[in-house]
Amino acid sequence: MRSTTLAGLALATLAPLAAAQATFPPADTARDLAASCAICHGTSGVSAGGGMPQLAGQSKETLARHLKDFKEGKRPATIMHQIAKGFSDEQLEVLAGYFAAQKAPR
């Protein structure tokens, strides 16, 4: 009986810890995620010199589709397919929304 009580106590103690770990670390912000894109696409999705596509102001749907296509290897790229694989689909949606909300260059 004592082992049953100890097992129950252990489960009762560990369950909240497991739930807390499921949400740790806290969700990244869109700006934090977008920082990894800045070297090629600029800090706000406006690349300098025009060598890389402008992300700012494109539609969220288009950006999300392109990012997911990179991740799945459906869109040719030199490095974007590797970068996109490092993000979850939810994070790619967040990135697409962030860049869609940025002001496009004039």
PDB file of N, CA and C in Angstrom:
ATOM      1  N   MET A   1       0.829  -1.193   0.000  1.00  0.00           N
ATOM      2  CA  MET A   1       0.000   0.000   0.000  1.00  0.00           C
ATOM      3  C   MET A   1       0.869   1.251   0.000  1.00  0.00           C
ATOM      4  N   ARG A   2       1.954   1.187   0.738  1.00  0.00           N
ATOM      5  CA  ARG A   2       2.820   2.359   0.825  1.00  0.00           C
ATOM      6  C   ARG A   2       3.410   2.707  -0.540  1.00  0.00           C
ATOM      7  N   SER A   3       3.823   1.697  -1.335  1.00  0.00           N
ATOM      8  CA  SER A   3       4.380   1.976  -2.660  1.00  0.00           C
ATOM      9  C   SER A   3       3.340   2.582  -3.584  1.00  0.00           C
ATOM     10  N   THR A   4       2.088   2.186  -3.433  1.00  0.00           N
ATOM     11  CA  THR A   4       1.011   2.755  -4.238  1.00  0.00           C
ATOM     12  C   THR A   4       0.826   4.226  -3.885  1.00  0.00           C
ATOM     13  N   THR A   5       0.895   4.541  -2.609  1.00  0.00           N
ATOM     14  CA  THR A   5       0.747   5.920  -2.163  1.00  0.00           C
ATOM     15  C   THR A   5       1.916   6.766  -2.658  1.00  0.00           C
ATOM     16  N   LEU A   6       3.121   6.231  -2.585  1.00  0.00           N
ATOM     17  CA  LEU A   6       4.295   6.969  -3.065  1.00  0.00           C
ATOM     18  C   LEU A   6       4.235   7.178  -4.575  1.00  0.00           C
ATOM     19  N   ALA A   7       3.776   6.165  -5.294  1.00  0.00           N
ATOM     20  CA  ALA A   7       3.650   6.306  -6.748  1.00  0.00           C
ATOM     21  C   ALA A   7       2.615   7.371  -7.097  1.00  0.00           C
ATOM     22  N   GLY A   8       1.519   7.372  -6.377  1.00  0.00           N
ATOM     23  CA  GLY A   8       0.485   8.388  -6.604  1.00  0.00           C
ATOM     24  C   GLY A   8       0.991   9.782  -6.302  1.00  0.00           C
ATOM     25  N   LEU A   9       1.741   9.888  -5.216  1.00  0.00           N
ATOM     26  CA  LEU A   9       2.322  11.183  -4.844  1.00  0.00           C
ATOM     27  C   LEU A   9       3.319  11.655  -5.900  1.00  0.00           C
ATOM     28  N   ALA A  10       4.134  10.738  -6.386  1.00  0.00           N
ATOM     29  CA  ALA A  10       5.112  11.091  -7.423  1.00  0.00           C
ATOM     30  C   ALA A  10       4.404  11.569  -8.684  1.00  0.00           C
ATOM     31  N   LEU A  11       3.367  10.857  -9.103  1.00  0.00           N
ATOM     32  CA  LEU A  11       2.619  11.284 -10.298  1.00  0.00           C
ATOM     33  C   LEU A  11       1.964  12.637 -10.090  1.00  0.00           C
ATOM     34  N   ALA A  12       1.402  12.849  -8.928  1.00  0.00           N
ATOM     35  CA  ALA A  12       0.752  14.129  -8.641  1.00  0.00           C
ATOM     36  C   ALA A  12       1.753  15.275  -8.647  1.00  0.00           C
ATOM     37  N   THR A  13       2.982  14.984  -8.238  1.00  0.00           N
ATOM     38  CA  THR A  13       4.022  16.006  -8.201  1.00  0.00           C
ATOM     39  C   THR A  13       4.607  16.261  -9.586  1.00  0.00           C
ATOM     40  N   LEU A  14       4.797  15.210 -10.359  1.00  0.00           N
ATOM     41  CA  LEU A  14       5.452  15.338 -11.658  1.00  0.00           C
ATOM     42  C   LEU A  14       4.532  15.846 -12.758  1.00  0.00           C
ATOM     43  N   ALA A  15       3.250  15.610 -12.671  1.00  0.00           N
ATOM     44  CA  ALA A  15       2.327  16.036 -13.732  1.00  0.00           C
ATOM     45  C   ALA A  15       2.383  17.544 -13.982  1.00  0.00           C
ATOM     46  N   PRO A  16       2.313  18.387 -12.941  1.00  0.00           N
ATOM     47  CA  PRO A  16       2.414  19.827 -13.207  1.00  0.00           C
ATOM     48  C   PRO A  16       3.769  20.225 -13.789  1.00  0.00           C
ATOM     49  N   LEU A  17       4.838  19.551 -13.373  1.00  0.00           N
ATOM     50  CA  LEU A  17       6.155  19.854 -13.922  1.00  0.00           C
ATOM     51  C   LEU A  17       6.215  19.520 -15.402  1.00  0.00           C
ATOM     52  N   ALA A  18       5.655  18.397 -15.790  1.00  0.00           N
ATOM     53  CA  ALA A  18       5.640  18.008 -17.197  1.00  0.00           C
ATOM     54  C   ALA A  18       4.839  19.007 -18.022  1.00  0.00           C
ATOM     55  N   ALA A  19       3.718  19.454 -17.475  1.00  0.00           N
ATOM     56  CA  ALA A  19       2.901  20.440 -18.193  1.00  0.00           C
ATOM     57  C   ALA A  19       3.658  21.757 -18.350  1.00  0.00           C
ATOM     58  N   ALA A  20       4.379  22.169 -17.320  1.00  0.00           N
ATOM     59  CA  ALA A  20       5.150  23.413 -17.393  1.00  0.00           C
ATOM     60  C   ALA A  20       6.266  23.302 -18.415  1.00  0.00           C
ATOM     61  N   GLN A  21       6.923  22.152 -18.495  1.00  0.00           N
ATOM     62  CA  GLN A  21       8.005  21.974 -19.446  1.00  0.00           C
ATOM     63  C   GLN A  21       7.503  21.977 -20.878  1.00  0.00           C
ATOM     64  N   ALA A  22       6.265  21.576 -21.089  1.00  0.00           N
ATOM     65  CA  ALA A  22       5.708  21.544 -22.439  1.00  0.00           C
ATOM     66  C   ALA A  22       5.633  22.946 -23.036  1.00  0.00           C
ATOM     67  N   THR A  23       5.542  23.980 -22.209  1.00  0.00           N
ATOM     68  CA  THR A  23       5.452  25.355 -22.705  1.00  0.00           C
ATOM     69  C   THR A  23       6.751  26.116 -22.513  1.00  0.00           C
ATOM     70  N   PHE A  24       7.808  25.456 -22.095  1.00  0.00           N
ATOM     71  CA  PHE A  24       9.095  26.117 -21.889  1.00  0.00           C
ATOM     72  C   PHE A  24      10.031  25.728 -23.020  1.00  0.00           C
ATOM     73  N   PRO A  25      10.782  26.590 -23.649  1.00  0.00           N
ATOM     74  CA  PRO A  25      10.850  28.014 -23.348  1.00  0.00           C
ATOM     75  C   PRO A  25       9.621  28.746 -23.870  1.00  0.00           C
ATOM     76  N   PRO A  26       9.418  29.962 -23.398  1.00  0.00           N
ATOM     77  CA  PRO A  26       8.251  30.725 -23.847  1.00  0.00           C
ATOM     78  C   PRO A  26       8.275  30.922 -25.364  1.00  0.00           C
ATOM     79  N   ALA A  27       7.113  31.112 -25.933  1.00  0.00           N
ATOM     80  CA  ALA A  27       7.006  31.308 -27.380  1.00  0.00           C
ATOM     81  C   ALA A  27       7.849  32.501 -27.819  1.00  0.00           C
ATOM     82  N   ASP A  28       8.581  32.319 -28.917  1.00  0.00           N
ATOM     83  CA  ASP A  28       9.391  33.407 -29.466  1.00  0.00           C
ATOM     84  C   ASP A  28       8.486  34.446 -30.097  1.00  0.00           C
ATOM     85  N   THR A  29       8.943  35.676 -30.071  1.00  0.00           N
ATOM     86  CA  THR A  29       8.181  36.727 -30.737  1.00  0.00           C
ATOM     87  C   THR A  29       8.530  36.729 -32.220  1.00  0.00           C
ATOM     88  N   ALA A  30       7.674  37.318 -33.001  1.00  0.00           N
ATOM     89  CA  ALA A  30       7.903  37.390 -34.447  1.00  0.00           C
ATOM     90  C   ALA A  30       9.214  38.102 -34.750  1.00  0.00           C
ATOM     91  N   ARG A  31       9.483  39.150 -34.037  1.00  0.00           N
ATOM     92  CA  ARG A  31      10.718  39.901 -34.283  1.00  0.00           C
ATOM     93  C   ARG A  31      11.954  39.058 -33.974  1.00  0.00           C
ATOM     94  N   ASP A  32      11.896  38.269 -32.917  1.00  0.00           N
ATOM     95  CA  ASP A  32      13.009  37.388 -32.578  1.00  0.00           C
ATOM     96  C   ASP A  32      13.233  36.356 -33.676  1.00  0.00           C
ATOM     97  N   LEU A  33      12.151  35.785 -34.178  1.00  0.00           N
ATOM     98  CA  LEU A  33      12.270  34.805 -35.256  1.00  0.00           C
ATOM     99  C   LEU A  33      12.825  35.454 -36.521  1.00  0.00           C
ATOM    100  N   ALA A  34      12.360  36.654 -36.814  1.00  0.00           N
ATOM    101  CA  ALA A  34      12.761  37.350 -38.036  1.00  0.00           C
ATOM    102  C   ALA A  34      14.225  37.785 -38.008  1.00  0.00           C
ATOM    103  N   ALA A  35      14.825  37.842 -36.833  1.00  0.00           N
ATOM    104  CA  ALA A  35      16.225  38.250 -36.736  1.00  0.00           C
ATOM    105  C   ALA A  35      17.132  37.336 -37.550  1.00  0.00           C
ATOM    106  N   SER A  36      16.774  36.074 -37.666  1.00  0.00           N
ATOM    107  CA  SER A  36      17.613  35.152 -38.438  1.00  0.00           C
ATOM    108  C   SER A  36      17.531  35.412 -39.940  1.00  0.00           C
ATOM    109  N   CYS A  37      16.561  36.178 -40.366  1.00  0.00           N
ATOM    110  CA  CYS A  37      16.388  36.495 -41.785  1.00  0.00           C
ATOM    111  C   CYS A  37      17.125  37.780 -42.184  1.00  0.00           C
ATOM    112  N   ALA A  38      17.515  38.566 -41.179  1.00  0.00           N
ATOM    113  CA  ALA A  38      18.035  39.913 -41.414  1.00  0.00           C
ATOM    114  C   ALA A  38      19.309  39.953 -42.242  1.00  0.00           C
ATOM    115  N   ILE A  39      20.179  38.985 -42.087  1.00  0.00           N
ATOM    116  CA  ILE A  39      21.465  39.028 -42.798  1.00  0.00           C
ATOM    117  C   ILE A  39      21.271  39.073 -44.311  1.00  0.00           C
ATOM    118  N   CYS A  40      20.267  38.397 -44.813  1.00  0.00           N
ATOM    119  CA  CYS A  40      20.025  38.375 -46.264  1.00  0.00           C
ATOM    120  C   CYS A  40      18.883  39.288 -46.693  1.00  0.00           C
ATOM    121  N   HIS A  41      17.845  39.377 -45.867  1.00  0.00           N
ATOM    122  CA  HIS A  41      16.629  40.077 -46.280  1.00  0.00           C
ATOM    123  C   HIS A  41      16.414  41.404 -45.559  1.00  0.00           C
ATOM    124  N   GLY A  42      17.373  41.838 -44.751  1.00  0.00           N
ATOM    125  CA  GLY A  42      17.237  43.105 -44.035  1.00  0.00           C
ATOM    126  C   GLY A  42      16.433  42.955 -42.760  1.00  0.00           C
ATOM    127  N   THR A  43      16.600  43.894 -41.838  1.00  0.00           N
ATOM    128  CA  THR A  43      15.969  43.787 -40.525  1.00  0.00           C
ATOM    129  C   THR A  43      14.450  43.837 -40.575  1.00  0.00           C
ATOM    130  N   SER A  44      13.903  44.481 -41.569  1.00  0.00           N
ATOM    131  CA  SER A  44      12.444  44.554 -41.693  1.00  0.00           C
ATOM    132  C   SER A  44      11.964  43.919 -42.988  1.00  0.00           C
ATOM    133  N   GLY A  45      12.785  43.063 -43.552  1.00  0.00           N
ATOM    134  CA  GLY A  45      12.394  42.411 -44.800  1.00  0.00           C
ATOM    135  C   GLY A  45      12.680  43.239 -46.029  1.00  0.00           C
ATOM    136  N   VAL A  46      13.477  44.287 -45.882  1.00  0.00           N
ATOM    137  CA  VAL A  46      13.869  45.140 -47.008  1.00  0.00           C
ATOM    138  C   VAL A  46      15.367  44.940 -47.208  1.00  0.00           C
ATOM    139  N   SER A  47      15.714  44.130 -48.200  1.00  0.00           N
ATOM    140  CA  SER A  47      17.126  43.816 -48.411  1.00  0.00           C
ATOM    141  C   SER A  47      17.847  44.971 -49.100  1.00  0.00           C
ATOM    142  N   ALA A  48      19.070  45.189 -48.676  1.00  0.00           N
ATOM    143  CA  ALA A  48      19.889  46.245 -49.256  1.00  0.00           C
ATOM    144  C   ALA A  48      20.490  45.774 -50.567  1.00  0.00           C
ATOM    145  N   GLY A  49      20.502  46.622 -51.549  1.00  0.00           N
ATOM    146  CA  GLY A  49      21.145  46.311 -52.815  1.00  0.00           C
ATOM    147  C   GLY A  49      20.319  45.470 -53.780  1.00  0.00           C
ATOM    148  N   GLY A  50      19.193  44.974 -53.338  1.00  0.00           N
ATOM    149  CA  GLY A  50      18.315  44.235 -54.239  1.00  0.00           C
ATOM    150  C   GLY A  50      18.783  42.840 -54.621  1.00  0.00           C
ATOM    151  N   GLY A  51      19.797  42.315 -53.938  1.00  0.00           N
ATOM    152  CA  GLY A  51      20.291  40.984 -54.269  1.00  0.00           C
ATOM    153  C   GLY A  51      19.390  39.866 -53.789  1.00  0.00           C
ATOM    154  N   MET A  52      18.593  40.136 -52.790  1.00  0.00           N
ATOM    155  CA  MET A  52      17.670  39.148 -52.229  1.00  0.00           C
ATOM    156  C   MET A  52      16.254  39.673 -52.355  1.00  0.00           C
ATOM    157  N   PRO A  53      15.295  38.785 -52.416  1.00  0.00           N
ATOM    158  CA  PRO A  53      13.896  39.238 -52.517  1.00  0.00           C
ATOM    159  C   PRO A  53      13.474  40.083 -51.323  1.00  0.00           C
ATOM    160  N   GLN A  54      12.666  41.078 -51.601  1.00  0.00           N
ATOM    161  CA  GLN A  54      12.068  41.887 -50.549  1.00  0.00           C
ATOM    162  C   GLN A  54      10.931  41.087 -49.926  1.00  0.00           C
ATOM    163  N   LEU A  55      10.934  40.949 -48.632  1.00  0.00           N
ATOM    164  CA  LEU A  55       9.869  40.233 -47.938  1.00  0.00           C
ATOM    165  C   LEU A  55       8.786  41.186 -47.439  1.00  0.00           C
ATOM    166  N   ALA A  56       9.183  42.400 -47.112  1.00  0.00           N
ATOM    167  CA  ALA A  56       8.256  43.378 -46.551  1.00  0.00           C
ATOM    168  C   ALA A  56       7.117  43.662 -47.515  1.00  0.00           C
ATOM    169  N   GLY A  57       5.908  43.613 -46.965  1.00  0.00           N
ATOM    170  CA  GLY A  57       4.737  43.987 -47.730  1.00  0.00           C
ATOM    171  C   GLY A  57       4.155  42.912 -48.622  1.00  0.00           C
ATOM    172  N   GLN A  58       4.818  41.770 -48.764  1.00  0.00           N
ATOM    173  CA  GLN A  58       4.211  40.672 -49.525  1.00  0.00           C
ATOM    174  C   GLN A  58       3.049  40.110 -48.713  1.00  0.00           C
ATOM    175  N   SER A  59       2.142  39.437 -49.363  1.00  0.00           N
ATOM    176  CA  SER A  59       1.001  38.901 -48.629  1.00  0.00           C
ATOM    177  C   SER A  59       1.450  37.766 -47.710  1.00  0.00           C
ATOM    178  N   LYS A  60       0.783  37.652 -46.585  1.00  0.00           N
ATOM    179  CA  LYS A  60       1.095  36.602 -45.616  1.00  0.00           C
ATOM    180  C   LYS A  60       0.941  35.224 -46.264  1.00  0.00           C
ATOM    181  N   GLU A  61      -0.093  35.065 -47.062  1.00  0.00           N
ATOM    182  CA  GLU A  61      -0.361  33.777 -47.696  1.00  0.00           C
ATOM    183  C   GLU A  61       0.777  33.377 -48.635  1.00  0.00           C
ATOM    184  N   THR A  62       1.249  34.327 -49.428  1.00  0.00           N
ATOM    185  CA  THR A  62       2.339  34.052 -50.366  1.00  0.00           C
ATOM    186  C   THR A  62       3.617  33.711 -49.615  1.00  0.00           C
ATOM    187  N   LEU A  63       3.947  34.512 -48.610  1.00  0.00           N
ATOM    188  CA  LEU A  63       5.158  34.259 -47.838  1.00  0.00           C
ATOM    189  C   LEU A  63       5.095  32.902 -47.134  1.00  0.00           C
ATOM    190  N   ALA A  64       3.965  32.598 -46.522  1.00  0.00           N
ATOM    191  CA  ALA A  64       3.821  31.319 -45.809  1.00  0.00           C
ATOM    192  C   ALA A  64       3.956  30.149 -46.783  1.00  0.00           C
ATOM    193  N   ARG A  65       3.347  30.273 -47.945  1.00  0.00           N
ATOM    194  CA  ARG A  65       3.430  29.199 -48.946  1.00  0.00           C
ATOM    195  C   ARG A  65       4.869  28.999 -49.403  1.00  0.00           C
ATOM    196  N   HIS A  66       5.565  30.096 -49.686  1.00  0.00           N
ATOM    197  CA  HIS A  66       6.962  29.998 -50.117  1.00  0.00           C
ATOM    198  C   HIS A  66       7.835  29.369 -49.037  1.00  0.00           C
ATOM    199  N   LEU A  67       7.652  29.807 -47.793  1.00  0.00           N
ATOM    200  CA  LEU A  67       8.448  29.253 -46.703  1.00  0.00           C
ATOM    201  C   LEU A  67       8.203  27.757 -46.524  1.00  0.00           C
ATOM    202  N   LYS A  68       6.950  27.358 -46.590  1.00  0.00           N
ATOM    203  CA  LYS A  68       6.634  25.935 -46.447  1.00  0.00           C
ATOM    204  C   LYS A  68       7.151  25.137 -47.648  1.00  0.00           C
ATOM    205  N   ASP A  69       7.098  25.744 -48.827  1.00  0.00           N
ATOM    206  CA  ASP A  69       7.651  25.072 -50.013  1.00  0.00           C
ATOM    207  C   ASP A  69       9.166  24.890 -49.886  1.00  0.00           C
ATOM    208  N   PHE A  70       9.849  25.881 -49.339  1.00  0.00           N
ATOM    209  CA  PHE A  70      11.286  25.729 -49.075  1.00  0.00           C
ATOM    210  C   PHE A  70      11.517  24.564 -48.106  1.00  0.00           C
ATOM    211  N   LYS A  71      10.754  24.563 -47.040  1.00  0.00           N
ATOM    212  CA  LYS A  71      10.911  23.541 -46.007  1.00  0.00           C
ATOM    213  C   LYS A  71      10.702  22.130 -46.568  1.00  0.00           C
ATOM    214  N   GLU A  72       9.747  21.998 -47.470  1.00  0.00           N
ATOM    215  CA  GLU A  72       9.410  20.689 -48.036  1.00  0.00           C
ATOM    216  C   GLU A  72      10.244  20.351 -49.272  1.00  0.00           C
ATOM    217  N   GLY A  73      11.141  21.258 -49.664  1.00  0.00           N
ATOM    218  CA  GLY A  73      11.984  21.008 -50.829  1.00  0.00           C
ATOM    219  C   GLY A  73      11.274  21.172 -52.160  1.00  0.00           C
ATOM    220  N   LYS A  74      10.116  21.831 -52.149  1.00  0.00           N
ATOM    221  CA  LYS A  74       9.337  22.033 -53.366  1.00  0.00           C
ATOM    222  C   LYS A  74       9.766  23.277 -54.140  1.00  0.00           C
ATOM    223  N   ARG A  75      10.522  24.141 -53.493  1.00  0.00           N
ATOM    224  CA  ARG A  75      10.958  25.403 -54.103  1.00  0.00           C
ATOM    225  C   ARG A  75      12.483  25.396 -54.126  1.00  0.00           C
ATOM    226  N   PRO A  76      13.078  25.628 -55.292  1.00  0.00           N
ATOM    227  CA  PRO A  76      14.543  25.593 -55.366  1.00  0.00           C
ATOM    228  C   PRO A  76      15.181  26.717 -54.559  1.00  0.00           C
ATOM    229  N   ALA A  77      16.328  26.398 -53.981  1.00  0.00           N
ATOM    230  CA  ALA A  77      17.034  27.387 -53.174  1.00  0.00           C
ATOM    231  C   ALA A  77      18.469  26.936 -52.968  1.00  0.00           C
ATOM    232  N   THR A  78      19.303  27.882 -52.620  1.00  0.00           N
ATOM    233  CA  THR A  78      20.671  27.509 -52.271  1.00  0.00           C
ATOM    234  C   THR A  78      20.767  27.177 -50.785  1.00  0.00           C
ATOM    235  N   ILE A  79      20.086  27.967 -49.956  1.00  0.00           N
ATOM    236  CA  ILE A  79      20.165  27.729 -48.510  1.00  0.00           C
ATOM    237  C   ILE A  79      18.815  27.804 -47.803  1.00  0.00           C
ATOM    238  N   MET A  80      17.823  28.427 -48.424  1.00  0.00           N
ATOM    239  CA  MET A  80      16.537  28.614 -47.754  1.00  0.00           C
ATOM    240  C   MET A  80      15.870  27.305 -47.354  1.00  0.00           C
ATOM    241  N   HIS A  81      16.072  26.264 -48.108  1.00  0.00           N
ATOM    242  CA  HIS A  81      15.448  24.991 -47.732  1.00  0.00           C
ATOM    243  C   HIS A  81      16.010  24.488 -46.403  1.00  0.00           C
ATOM    244  N   GLN A  82      17.282  24.730 -46.146  1.00  0.00           N
ATOM    245  CA  GLN A  82      17.884  24.324 -44.875  1.00  0.00           C
ATOM    246  C   GLN A  82      17.418  25.230 -43.736  1.00  0.00           C
ATOM    247  N   ILE A  83      17.337  26.511 -43.997  1.00  0.00           N
ATOM    248  CA  ILE A  83      16.899  27.452 -42.962  1.00  0.00           C
ATOM    249  C   ILE A  83      15.449  27.178 -42.581  1.00  0.00           C
ATOM    250  N   ALA A  84      14.600  26.990 -43.566  1.00  0.00           N
ATOM    251  CA  ALA A  84      13.171  26.772 -43.304  1.00  0.00           C
ATOM    252  C   ALA A  84      12.928  25.497 -42.498  1.00  0.00           C
ATOM    253  N   LYS A  85      13.764  24.497 -42.691  1.00  0.00           N
ATOM    254  CA  LYS A  85      13.605  23.249 -41.932  1.00  0.00           C
ATOM    255  C   LYS A  85      13.830  23.455 -40.437  1.00  0.00           C
ATOM    256  N   GLY A  86      14.477  24.542 -40.064  1.00  0.00           N
ATOM    257  CA  GLY A  86      14.724  24.833 -38.658  1.00  0.00           C
ATOM    258  C   GLY A  86      13.540  25.451 -37.931  1.00  0.00           C
ATOM    259  N   PHE A  87      12.477  25.727 -38.649  1.00  0.00           N
ATOM    260  CA  PHE A  87      11.290  26.352 -38.062  1.00  0.00           C
ATOM    261  C   PHE A  87      10.105  25.396 -38.128  1.00  0.00           C
ATOM    262  N   SER A  88       9.236  25.482 -37.135  1.00  0.00           N
ATOM    263  CA  SER A  88       7.982  24.731 -37.185  1.00  0.00           C
ATOM    264  C   SER A  88       7.052  25.436 -38.175  1.00  0.00           C
ATOM    265  N   ASP A  89       6.011  24.756 -38.599  1.00  0.00           N
ATOM    266  CA  ASP A  89       5.035  25.389 -39.493  1.00  0.00           C
ATOM    267  C   ASP A  89       4.391  26.597 -38.827  1.00  0.00           C
ATOM    268  N   GLU A  90       4.164  26.521 -37.528  1.00  0.00           N
ATOM    269  CA  GLU A  90       3.582  27.648 -36.797  1.00  0.00           C
ATOM    270  C   GLU A  90       4.532  28.844 -36.798  1.00  0.00           C
ATOM    271  N   GLN A  91       5.817  28.588 -36.627  1.00  0.00           N
ATOM    272  CA  GLN A  91       6.794  29.672 -36.664  1.00  0.00           C
ATOM    273  C   GLN A  91       6.887  30.282 -38.053  1.00  0.00           C
ATOM    274  N   LEU A  92       6.768  29.469 -39.089  1.00  0.00           N
ATOM    275  CA  LEU A  92       6.781  30.003 -40.456  1.00  0.00           C
ATOM    276  C   LEU A  92       5.575  30.911 -40.683  1.00  0.00           C
ATOM    277  N   GLU A  93       4.436  30.547 -40.122  1.00  0.00           N
ATOM    278  CA  GLU A  93       3.239  31.403 -40.220  1.00  0.00           C
ATOM    279  C   GLU A  93       3.475  32.733 -39.509  1.00  0.00           C
ATOM    280  N   VAL A  94       4.116  32.681 -38.351  1.00  0.00           N
ATOM    281  CA  VAL A  94       4.432  33.904 -37.597  1.00  0.00           C
ATOM    282  C   VAL A  94       5.376  34.785 -38.413  1.00  0.00           C
ATOM    283  N   LEU A  95       6.402  34.189 -39.006  1.00  0.00           N
ATOM    284  CA  LEU A  95       7.332  34.951 -39.847  1.00  0.00           C
ATOM    285  C   LEU A  95       6.615  35.585 -41.029  1.00  0.00           C
ATOM    286  N   ALA A  96       5.756  34.828 -41.677  1.00  0.00           N
ATOM    287  CA  ALA A  96       5.016  35.357 -42.824  1.00  0.00           C
ATOM    288  C   ALA A  96       4.164  36.551 -42.410  1.00  0.00           C
ATOM    289  N   GLY A  97       3.505  36.447 -41.272  1.00  0.00           N
ATOM    290  CA  GLY A  97       2.693  37.563 -40.779  1.00  0.00           C
ATOM    291  C   GLY A  97       3.529  38.772 -40.436  1.00  0.00           C
ATOM    292  N   TYR A  98       4.690  38.540 -39.846  1.00  0.00           N
ATOM    293  CA  TYR A  98       5.579  39.647 -39.475  1.00  0.00           C
ATOM    294  C   TYR A  98       6.021  40.411 -40.718  1.00  0.00           C
ATOM    295  N   PHE A  99       6.529  39.706 -41.717  1.00  0.00           N
ATOM    296  CA  PHE A  99       7.030  40.397 -42.907  1.00  0.00           C
ATOM    297  C   PHE A  99       5.902  41.007 -43.736  1.00  0.00           C
ATOM    298  N   ALA A 100       4.734  40.385 -43.735  1.00  0.00           N
ATOM    299  CA  ALA A 100       3.597  40.967 -44.454  1.00  0.00           C
ATOM    300  C   ALA A 100       3.188  42.298 -43.835  1.00  0.00           C
ATOM    301  N   ALA A 101       3.394  42.435 -42.540  1.00  0.00           N
ATOM    302  CA  ALA A 101       3.001  43.668 -41.845  1.00  0.00           C
ATOM    303  C   ALA A 101       4.040  44.783 -41.963  1.00  0.00           C
ATOM    304  N   GLN A 102       5.219  44.492 -42.470  1.00  0.00           N
ATOM    305  CA  GLN A 102       6.260  45.504 -42.619  1.00  0.00           C
ATOM    306  C   GLN A 102       5.974  46.366 -43.856  1.00  0.00           C
ATOM    307  N   LYS A 103       6.453  47.587 -43.811  1.00  0.00           N
ATOM    308  CA  LYS A 103       6.236  48.502 -44.943  1.00  0.00           C
ATOM    309  C   LYS A 103       7.145  48.132 -46.102  1.00  0.00           C
ATOM    310  N   ALA A 104       6.562  47.997 -47.267  1.00  0.00           N
ATOM    311  CA  ALA A 104       7.316  47.708 -48.468  1.00  0.00           C
ATOM    312  C   ALA A 104       8.081  48.956 -48.917  1.00  0.00           C
ATOM    313  N   PRO A 105       9.224  48.769 -49.544  1.00  0.00           N
ATOM    314  CA  PRO A 105       9.971  49.943 -50.031  1.00  0.00           C
ATOM    315  C   PRO A 105       9.199  50.637 -51.139  1.00  0.00           C
ATOM    316  N   ARG A 106       9.449  51.911 -51.281  1.00  0.00           N
ATOM    317  CA  ARG A 106       8.748  52.689 -52.326  1.00  0.00           C
ATOM    318  C   ARG A 106       9.455  52.614 -53.631  1.00  0.00           C
TER     319      ARG A 106
END
